[in-house]
Amino acid sequence: MRKHITIIIMSALLSFAGIGQVIAAGQFYDYNITTPKFGGSTTGNNYTKVSALEPAVVCSEQIGADYRLDVRVETVSNDAQSGYSEIGDFTRVELFYSSPVAGAQYHIRYRNKWYTPVDVQAIGHSSPDNPGGCDF
């Protein structure tokens, strides 16, 4: 009986430790944005970075009409913190910061291709940290 109680307590402690790690890695935030044609860009909302050690993550679920966009991390004053990476339908990218600061605010810039003649809608979720895999 005592052995079973010890196992239950250890399991509970390990579960809480796992939850603590997920919380420390931040969370995903949904986006539904439209980027202007011919290389236009827009930004998502500003979010506070939890961990200075984790890259930002973009989980792109849908890009209108199978177009592709470029994304990067920026500070709230629009200073680039990563290079651009391309996203399409059901794409996951990690964006590594040049100098990440926990507690600072960042956003994702979404940029249309210079040759795309239409505004493009994008739907998905992103995080200034790395909370895990995408749900697709």
N, C-alpha and C. Protein backbone atom coordinates (compact mmCIF):
# COMPACT_ATOMS: atom_id res chain seq x y z
N MET A 1 0.83 -1.19 0.00
CA MET A 1 0.00 0.00 0.00
C MET A 1 0.87 1.26 0.00
N ARG A 2 1.89 1.25 0.83
CA ARG A 2 2.77 2.41 0.92
C ARG A 2 3.48 2.66 -0.41
N LYS A 3 3.85 1.58 -1.11
CA LYS A 3 4.51 1.68 -2.40
C LYS A 3 3.58 2.34 -3.43
N HIS A 4 2.30 2.00 -3.39
CA HIS A 4 1.34 2.59 -4.31
C HIS A 4 1.16 4.08 -4.07
N ILE A 5 1.13 4.49 -2.81
CA ILE A 5 1.00 5.91 -2.48
C ILE A 5 2.22 6.67 -2.96
N THR A 6 3.39 6.09 -2.78
CA THR A 6 4.62 6.74 -3.24
C THR A 6 4.60 6.91 -4.75
N ILE A 7 4.16 5.90 -5.47
CA ILE A 7 4.08 5.98 -6.94
C ILE A 7 3.09 7.05 -7.36
N ILE A 8 1.96 7.14 -6.69
CA ILE A 8 0.95 8.16 -7.02
C ILE A 8 1.51 9.56 -6.77
N ILE A 9 2.18 9.74 -5.65
CA ILE A 9 2.75 11.05 -5.33
C ILE A 9 3.83 11.42 -6.35
N MET A 10 4.70 10.49 -6.70
CA MET A 10 5.76 10.76 -7.67
C MET A 10 5.16 11.10 -9.05
N SER A 11 4.13 10.37 -9.43
CA SER A 11 3.46 10.64 -10.72
C SER A 11 2.87 12.04 -10.74
N ALA A 12 2.24 12.42 -9.63
CA ALA A 12 1.65 13.77 -9.54
C ALA A 12 2.72 14.84 -9.63
N LEU A 13 3.83 14.65 -8.95
CA LEU A 13 4.92 15.63 -8.99
C LEU A 13 5.50 15.75 -10.39
N LEU A 14 5.69 14.63 -11.07
CA LEU A 14 6.19 14.67 -12.43
C LEU A 14 5.21 15.34 -13.38
N SER A 15 3.93 15.14 -13.16
CA SER A 15 2.91 15.80 -13.98
C SER A 15 2.97 17.30 -13.80
N PHE A 16 3.08 17.76 -12.56
CA PHE A 16 3.17 19.20 -12.30
C PHE A 16 4.45 19.77 -12.90
N ALA A 17 5.53 19.03 -12.84
CA ALA A 17 6.79 19.50 -13.44
C ALA A 17 6.61 19.67 -14.95
N GLY A 18 5.93 18.73 -15.59
CA GLY A 18 5.67 18.83 -17.02
C GLY A 18 4.81 20.02 -17.36
N ILE A 19 3.80 20.30 -16.55
CA ILE A 19 2.95 21.47 -16.78
C ILE A 19 3.76 22.74 -16.63
N GLY A 20 4.64 22.78 -15.66
CA GLY A 20 5.50 23.95 -15.47
C GLY A 20 6.37 24.22 -16.69
N GLN A 21 6.85 23.17 -17.33
CA GLN A 21 7.67 23.35 -18.51
C GLN A 21 6.84 23.88 -19.67
N VAL A 22 5.61 23.42 -19.82
CA VAL A 22 4.75 23.92 -20.90
C VAL A 22 4.45 25.40 -20.68
N ILE A 23 4.12 25.77 -19.45
CA ILE A 23 3.83 27.17 -19.14
C ILE A 23 5.05 28.04 -19.40
N ALA A 24 6.23 27.56 -19.05
CA ALA A 24 7.46 28.33 -19.23
C ALA A 24 7.75 28.57 -20.70
N ALA A 25 7.25 27.71 -21.57
CA ALA A 25 7.53 27.84 -23.00
C ALA A 25 6.56 28.78 -23.70
N GLY A 26 5.64 29.41 -22.99
CA GLY A 26 4.71 30.34 -23.62
C GLY A 26 3.48 29.65 -24.16
N GLN A 27 2.74 30.37 -25.00
CA GLN A 27 1.52 29.82 -25.57
C GLN A 27 1.31 30.34 -26.98
N PHE A 28 0.43 29.67 -27.72
CA PHE A 28 0.10 30.10 -29.07
C PHE A 28 -1.03 31.14 -29.03
N TYR A 29 -1.01 32.04 -30.02
CA TYR A 29 -2.04 33.05 -30.19
C TYR A 29 -2.55 32.95 -31.64
N ASP A 30 -3.85 32.96 -31.81
CA ASP A 30 -4.43 32.87 -33.15
C ASP A 30 -4.22 34.17 -33.93
N TYR A 31 -4.07 34.04 -35.25
CA TYR A 31 -4.05 35.21 -36.12
C TYR A 31 -4.93 34.95 -37.33
N ASN A 32 -5.50 36.01 -37.85
CA ASN A 32 -6.29 36.01 -39.07
C ASN A 32 -6.04 37.38 -39.69
N ILE A 33 -5.07 37.46 -40.58
CA ILE A 33 -4.62 38.74 -41.10
C ILE A 33 -4.71 38.76 -42.63
N THR A 34 -4.66 39.96 -43.19
CA THR A 34 -4.62 40.14 -44.63
C THR A 34 -3.40 40.98 -44.97
N THR A 35 -2.58 40.49 -45.89
CA THR A 35 -1.39 41.24 -46.30
C THR A 35 -1.66 41.93 -47.64
N PRO A 36 -1.24 43.17 -47.77
CA PRO A 36 -1.47 43.90 -49.02
C PRO A 36 -0.66 43.32 -50.19
N LYS A 37 -1.18 43.48 -51.38
CA LYS A 37 -0.54 42.95 -52.60
C LYS A 37 0.82 43.59 -52.87
N PHE A 38 1.55 42.98 -53.80
CA PHE A 38 2.84 43.47 -54.31
C PHE A 38 3.84 43.79 -53.20
N GLY A 39 4.08 42.85 -52.33
CA GLY A 39 5.11 43.01 -51.30
C GLY A 39 4.67 43.75 -50.06
N GLY A 40 3.40 44.04 -49.95
CA GLY A 40 2.90 44.73 -48.75
C GLY A 40 3.03 43.83 -47.53
N SER A 41 3.01 44.45 -46.36
CA SER A 41 3.15 43.66 -45.13
C SER A 41 2.27 44.23 -44.03
N THR A 42 2.06 43.39 -43.04
CA THR A 42 1.31 43.80 -41.86
C THR A 42 1.86 43.02 -40.67
N THR A 43 1.54 43.45 -39.47
CA THR A 43 2.03 42.76 -38.29
C THR A 43 0.87 42.16 -37.50
N GLY A 44 1.20 41.11 -36.77
CA GLY A 44 0.24 40.55 -35.83
C GLY A 44 0.28 41.34 -34.54
N ASN A 45 -0.45 40.90 -33.56
CA ASN A 45 -0.47 41.58 -32.26
C ASN A 45 0.87 41.45 -31.55
N ASN A 46 1.11 42.35 -30.61
CA ASN A 46 2.31 42.28 -29.78
C ASN A 46 2.08 41.30 -28.63
N TYR A 47 3.09 40.46 -28.38
CA TYR A 47 3.01 39.49 -27.29
C TYR A 47 4.30 39.50 -26.49
N THR A 48 4.18 39.19 -25.22
CA THR A 48 5.33 39.20 -24.32
C THR A 48 6.06 37.87 -24.39
N LYS A 49 7.36 37.93 -24.58
CA LYS A 49 8.19 36.73 -24.64
C LYS A 49 8.43 36.20 -23.24
N VAL A 50 8.26 34.88 -23.06
CA VAL A 50 8.43 34.24 -21.76
C VAL A 50 9.86 33.79 -21.54
N SER A 51 10.45 33.15 -22.55
CA SER A 51 11.78 32.55 -22.41
C SER A 51 12.75 33.14 -23.41
N ALA A 52 13.90 33.59 -22.94
CA ALA A 52 14.92 34.12 -23.84
C ALA A 52 15.60 33.01 -24.64
N LEU A 53 15.37 31.77 -24.27
CA LEU A 53 16.06 30.65 -24.92
C LEU A 53 15.29 30.05 -26.09
N GLU A 54 14.02 30.35 -26.23
CA GLU A 54 13.17 29.70 -27.22
C GLU A 54 13.00 30.55 -28.48
N PRO A 55 12.95 29.91 -29.66
CA PRO A 55 12.63 30.65 -30.89
C PRO A 55 11.13 30.94 -30.95
N ALA A 56 10.76 31.88 -31.79
CA ALA A 56 9.34 32.10 -32.07
C ALA A 56 8.87 31.00 -33.01
N VAL A 57 7.56 30.72 -32.99
CA VAL A 57 7.00 29.68 -33.84
C VAL A 57 5.77 30.24 -34.55
N VAL A 58 5.67 29.94 -35.85
CA VAL A 58 4.47 30.27 -36.63
C VAL A 58 3.91 28.96 -37.17
N CYS A 59 2.64 28.72 -36.89
CA CYS A 59 1.92 27.57 -37.42
C CYS A 59 0.89 28.11 -38.41
N SER A 60 1.25 28.07 -39.68
CA SER A 60 0.38 28.58 -40.74
C SER A 60 -0.60 27.49 -41.16
N GLU A 61 -1.88 27.74 -40.96
CA GLU A 61 -2.89 26.75 -41.33
C GLU A 61 -3.39 26.96 -42.76
N GLN A 62 -3.71 28.21 -43.09
CA GLN A 62 -4.22 28.48 -44.44
C GLN A 62 -3.70 29.82 -44.93
N ILE A 63 -3.28 29.81 -46.19
CA ILE A 63 -2.92 31.03 -46.90
C ILE A 63 -3.84 31.09 -48.11
N GLY A 64 -4.49 32.21 -48.32
CA GLY A 64 -5.46 32.32 -49.40
C GLY A 64 -4.94 31.90 -50.76
N ALA A 65 -5.73 31.12 -51.48
CA ALA A 65 -5.47 30.69 -52.86
C ALA A 65 -4.10 30.04 -53.04
N ASP A 66 -3.62 29.39 -52.02
CA ASP A 66 -2.32 28.69 -52.07
C ASP A 66 -1.13 29.61 -52.34
N TYR A 67 -1.27 30.88 -52.02
CA TYR A 67 -0.11 31.78 -52.10
C TYR A 67 0.82 31.46 -50.95
N ARG A 68 1.98 32.11 -50.93
CA ARG A 68 2.94 31.94 -49.84
C ARG A 68 3.32 33.33 -49.32
N LEU A 69 3.60 33.40 -48.02
CA LEU A 69 4.00 34.65 -47.38
C LEU A 69 5.36 34.46 -46.72
N ASP A 70 5.99 35.57 -46.40
CA ASP A 70 7.22 35.56 -45.61
C ASP A 70 6.90 36.10 -44.22
N VAL A 71 7.55 35.53 -43.20
CA VAL A 71 7.33 35.97 -41.82
C VAL A 71 8.67 36.18 -41.11
N ARG A 72 8.68 37.12 -40.18
CA ARG A 72 9.85 37.33 -39.34
C ARG A 72 9.41 37.90 -38.00
N VAL A 73 10.28 37.85 -37.01
CA VAL A 73 10.04 38.42 -35.69
C VAL A 73 10.56 39.85 -35.67
N GLU A 74 9.77 40.74 -35.06
CA GLU A 74 10.18 42.13 -34.89
C GLU A 74 9.87 42.60 -33.48
N THR A 75 10.58 43.64 -33.06
CA THR A 75 10.24 44.31 -31.81
C THR A 75 9.01 45.17 -32.05
N VAL A 76 8.44 45.74 -31.00
CA VAL A 76 7.27 46.59 -31.17
C VAL A 76 7.59 47.86 -31.97
N SER A 77 8.86 48.22 -32.04
CA SER A 77 9.26 49.37 -32.87
C SER A 77 9.65 48.94 -34.29
N ASN A 78 9.27 47.71 -34.66
CA ASN A 78 9.45 47.16 -36.00
C ASN A 78 10.90 46.89 -36.39
N ASP A 79 11.78 46.70 -35.41
CA ASP A 79 13.16 46.32 -35.70
C ASP A 79 13.22 44.81 -35.88
N ALA A 80 13.81 44.37 -36.99
CA ALA A 80 13.89 42.94 -37.29
C ALA A 80 14.71 42.21 -36.23
N GLN A 81 14.18 41.06 -35.78
CA GLN A 81 14.88 40.22 -34.82
C GLN A 81 15.23 38.85 -35.41
N SER A 82 14.71 38.57 -36.59
CA SER A 82 15.03 37.32 -37.29
C SER A 82 15.01 37.60 -38.78
N GLY A 83 15.52 36.65 -39.54
CA GLY A 83 15.38 36.72 -40.98
C GLY A 83 13.99 36.26 -41.37
N TYR A 84 13.64 36.47 -42.64
CA TYR A 84 12.34 36.00 -43.13
C TYR A 84 12.39 34.50 -43.41
N SER A 85 11.27 33.83 -43.14
CA SER A 85 11.04 32.44 -43.52
C SER A 85 9.73 32.39 -44.27
N GLU A 86 9.62 31.47 -45.21
CA GLU A 86 8.41 31.36 -46.03
C GLU A 86 7.42 30.40 -45.40
N ILE A 87 6.12 30.78 -45.46
CA ILE A 87 5.05 29.91 -44.98
C ILE A 87 4.02 29.71 -46.08
N GLY A 88 3.35 28.57 -46.01
CA GLY A 88 2.25 28.24 -46.91
C GLY A 88 1.20 27.52 -46.08
N ASP A 89 0.32 26.80 -46.74
CA ASP A 89 -0.68 26.01 -46.02
C ASP A 89 0.01 24.94 -45.19
N PHE A 90 -0.43 24.78 -43.96
CA PHE A 90 0.05 23.75 -43.04
C PHE A 90 1.57 23.71 -42.94
N THR A 91 2.13 24.87 -42.62
CA THR A 91 3.57 25.04 -42.47
C THR A 91 3.90 25.45 -41.05
N ARG A 92 4.95 24.86 -40.48
CA ARG A 92 5.47 25.28 -39.17
C ARG A 92 6.88 25.78 -39.35
N VAL A 93 7.15 26.99 -38.89
CA VAL A 93 8.52 27.52 -38.95
C VAL A 93 8.93 28.03 -37.58
N GLU A 94 10.21 27.88 -37.28
CA GLU A 94 10.80 28.45 -36.08
C GLU A 94 11.63 29.65 -36.52
N LEU A 95 11.48 30.75 -35.81
CA LEU A 95 12.18 31.98 -36.12
C LEU A 95 13.12 32.30 -34.96
N PHE A 96 14.42 32.25 -35.22
CA PHE A 96 15.40 32.47 -34.17
C PHE A 96 15.74 33.95 -34.05
N TYR A 97 15.67 34.46 -32.85
CA TYR A 97 15.91 35.88 -32.56
C TYR A 97 17.39 36.21 -32.62
N SER A 98 17.69 37.46 -32.98
CA SER A 98 19.08 37.90 -32.94
C SER A 98 19.50 38.20 -31.50
N SER A 99 18.60 38.71 -30.69
CA SER A 99 18.92 39.00 -29.28
C SER A 99 17.65 38.96 -28.45
N PRO A 100 17.13 37.76 -28.14
CA PRO A 100 15.86 37.65 -27.43
C PRO A 100 15.95 38.13 -25.98
N VAL A 101 14.88 38.74 -25.51
CA VAL A 101 14.81 39.22 -24.13
C VAL A 101 13.49 38.75 -23.53
N ALA A 102 13.57 37.91 -22.50
CA ALA A 102 12.35 37.49 -21.80
C ALA A 102 11.70 38.71 -21.18
N GLY A 103 10.39 38.81 -21.29
CA GLY A 103 9.64 39.95 -20.75
C GLY A 103 9.45 41.07 -21.76
N ALA A 104 10.18 41.04 -22.88
CA ALA A 104 10.03 42.07 -23.92
C ALA A 104 8.88 41.68 -24.85
N GLN A 105 8.35 42.67 -25.55
CA GLN A 105 7.25 42.40 -26.47
C GLN A 105 7.76 42.33 -27.90
N TYR A 106 7.19 41.38 -28.64
CA TYR A 106 7.53 41.15 -30.04
C TYR A 106 6.26 40.90 -30.83
N HIS A 107 6.36 40.98 -32.14
CA HIS A 107 5.26 40.58 -33.02
C HIS A 107 5.84 39.91 -34.25
N ILE A 108 4.97 39.30 -35.02
CA ILE A 108 5.35 38.67 -36.27
C ILE A 108 4.93 39.58 -37.42
N ARG A 109 5.86 39.82 -38.35
CA ARG A 109 5.52 40.56 -39.57
C ARG A 109 5.21 39.54 -40.66
N TYR A 110 4.10 39.75 -41.36
CA TYR A 110 3.66 38.91 -42.47
C TYR A 110 3.80 39.74 -43.74
N ARG A 111 4.58 39.22 -44.69
CA ARG A 111 4.86 39.99 -45.91
C ARG A 111 4.46 39.19 -47.15
N ASN A 112 3.75 39.85 -48.02
CA ASN A 112 3.35 39.27 -49.29
C ASN A 112 4.55 39.27 -50.24
N LYS A 113 4.55 38.40 -51.22
CA LYS A 113 5.62 38.39 -52.24
C LYS A 113 5.48 39.62 -53.12
N TRP A 114 6.60 40.13 -53.61
CA TRP A 114 6.58 41.36 -54.41
C TRP A 114 5.77 41.19 -55.70
N TYR A 115 5.63 39.97 -56.16
CA TYR A 115 4.95 39.71 -57.43
C TYR A 115 3.49 39.24 -57.27
N THR A 116 2.99 39.16 -56.04
CA THR A 116 1.62 38.70 -55.82
C THR A 116 0.64 39.85 -56.06
N PRO A 117 -0.25 39.71 -57.05
CA PRO A 117 -1.10 40.83 -57.46
C PRO A 117 -2.38 41.02 -56.64
N VAL A 118 -2.55 40.26 -55.54
CA VAL A 118 -3.77 40.36 -54.73
C VAL A 118 -3.42 40.42 -53.26
N ASP A 119 -4.35 40.98 -52.47
CA ASP A 119 -4.21 40.90 -51.01
C ASP A 119 -4.39 39.44 -50.63
N VAL A 120 -3.63 38.97 -49.64
CA VAL A 120 -3.66 37.55 -49.26
C VAL A 120 -4.01 37.42 -47.78
N GLN A 121 -5.00 36.59 -47.51
CA GLN A 121 -5.41 36.32 -46.13
C GLN A 121 -4.63 35.12 -45.60
N ALA A 122 -4.24 35.19 -44.32
CA ALA A 122 -3.52 34.11 -43.65
C ALA A 122 -4.17 33.81 -42.31
N ILE A 123 -4.32 32.53 -42.01
CA ILE A 123 -4.93 32.08 -40.75
C ILE A 123 -3.99 31.06 -40.11
N GLY A 124 -3.81 31.17 -38.81
CA GLY A 124 -2.98 30.22 -38.09
C GLY A 124 -2.78 30.66 -36.66
N HIS A 125 -1.69 30.25 -36.06
CA HIS A 125 -1.34 30.72 -34.73
C HIS A 125 0.17 30.82 -34.61
N SER A 126 0.59 31.70 -33.72
CA SER A 126 2.02 31.95 -33.56
C SER A 126 2.32 32.20 -32.09
N SER A 127 3.60 32.19 -31.78
CA SER A 127 4.03 32.44 -30.41
C SER A 127 5.42 33.08 -30.43
N PRO A 128 5.68 34.00 -29.50
CA PRO A 128 7.03 34.55 -29.39
C PRO A 128 8.00 33.53 -28.78
N ASP A 129 7.47 32.43 -28.28
CA ASP A 129 8.26 31.36 -27.68
C ASP A 129 8.01 30.07 -28.47
N ASN A 130 8.37 28.94 -27.90
CA ASN A 130 8.19 27.66 -28.59
C ASN A 130 7.35 26.73 -27.73
N PRO A 131 6.02 26.88 -27.76
CA PRO A 131 5.17 26.06 -26.91
C PRO A 131 4.94 24.65 -27.42
N GLY A 132 5.52 24.29 -28.54
CA GLY A 132 5.37 22.92 -29.02
C GLY A 132 4.95 22.85 -30.48
N GLY A 133 4.38 21.72 -30.84
CA GLY A 133 4.00 21.47 -32.22
C GLY A 133 2.70 22.14 -32.60
N CYS A 134 2.48 22.17 -33.89
CA CYS A 134 1.23 22.69 -34.43
C CYS A 134 0.16 21.61 -34.32
N ASP A 135 -1.10 22.02 -34.38
CA ASP A 135 -2.18 21.03 -34.24
C ASP A 135 -2.75 20.60 -35.58
N PHE A 136 -1.92 20.53 -36.59
CA PHE A 136 -2.37 19.99 -37.88
C PHE A 136 -1.45 18.87 -38.30
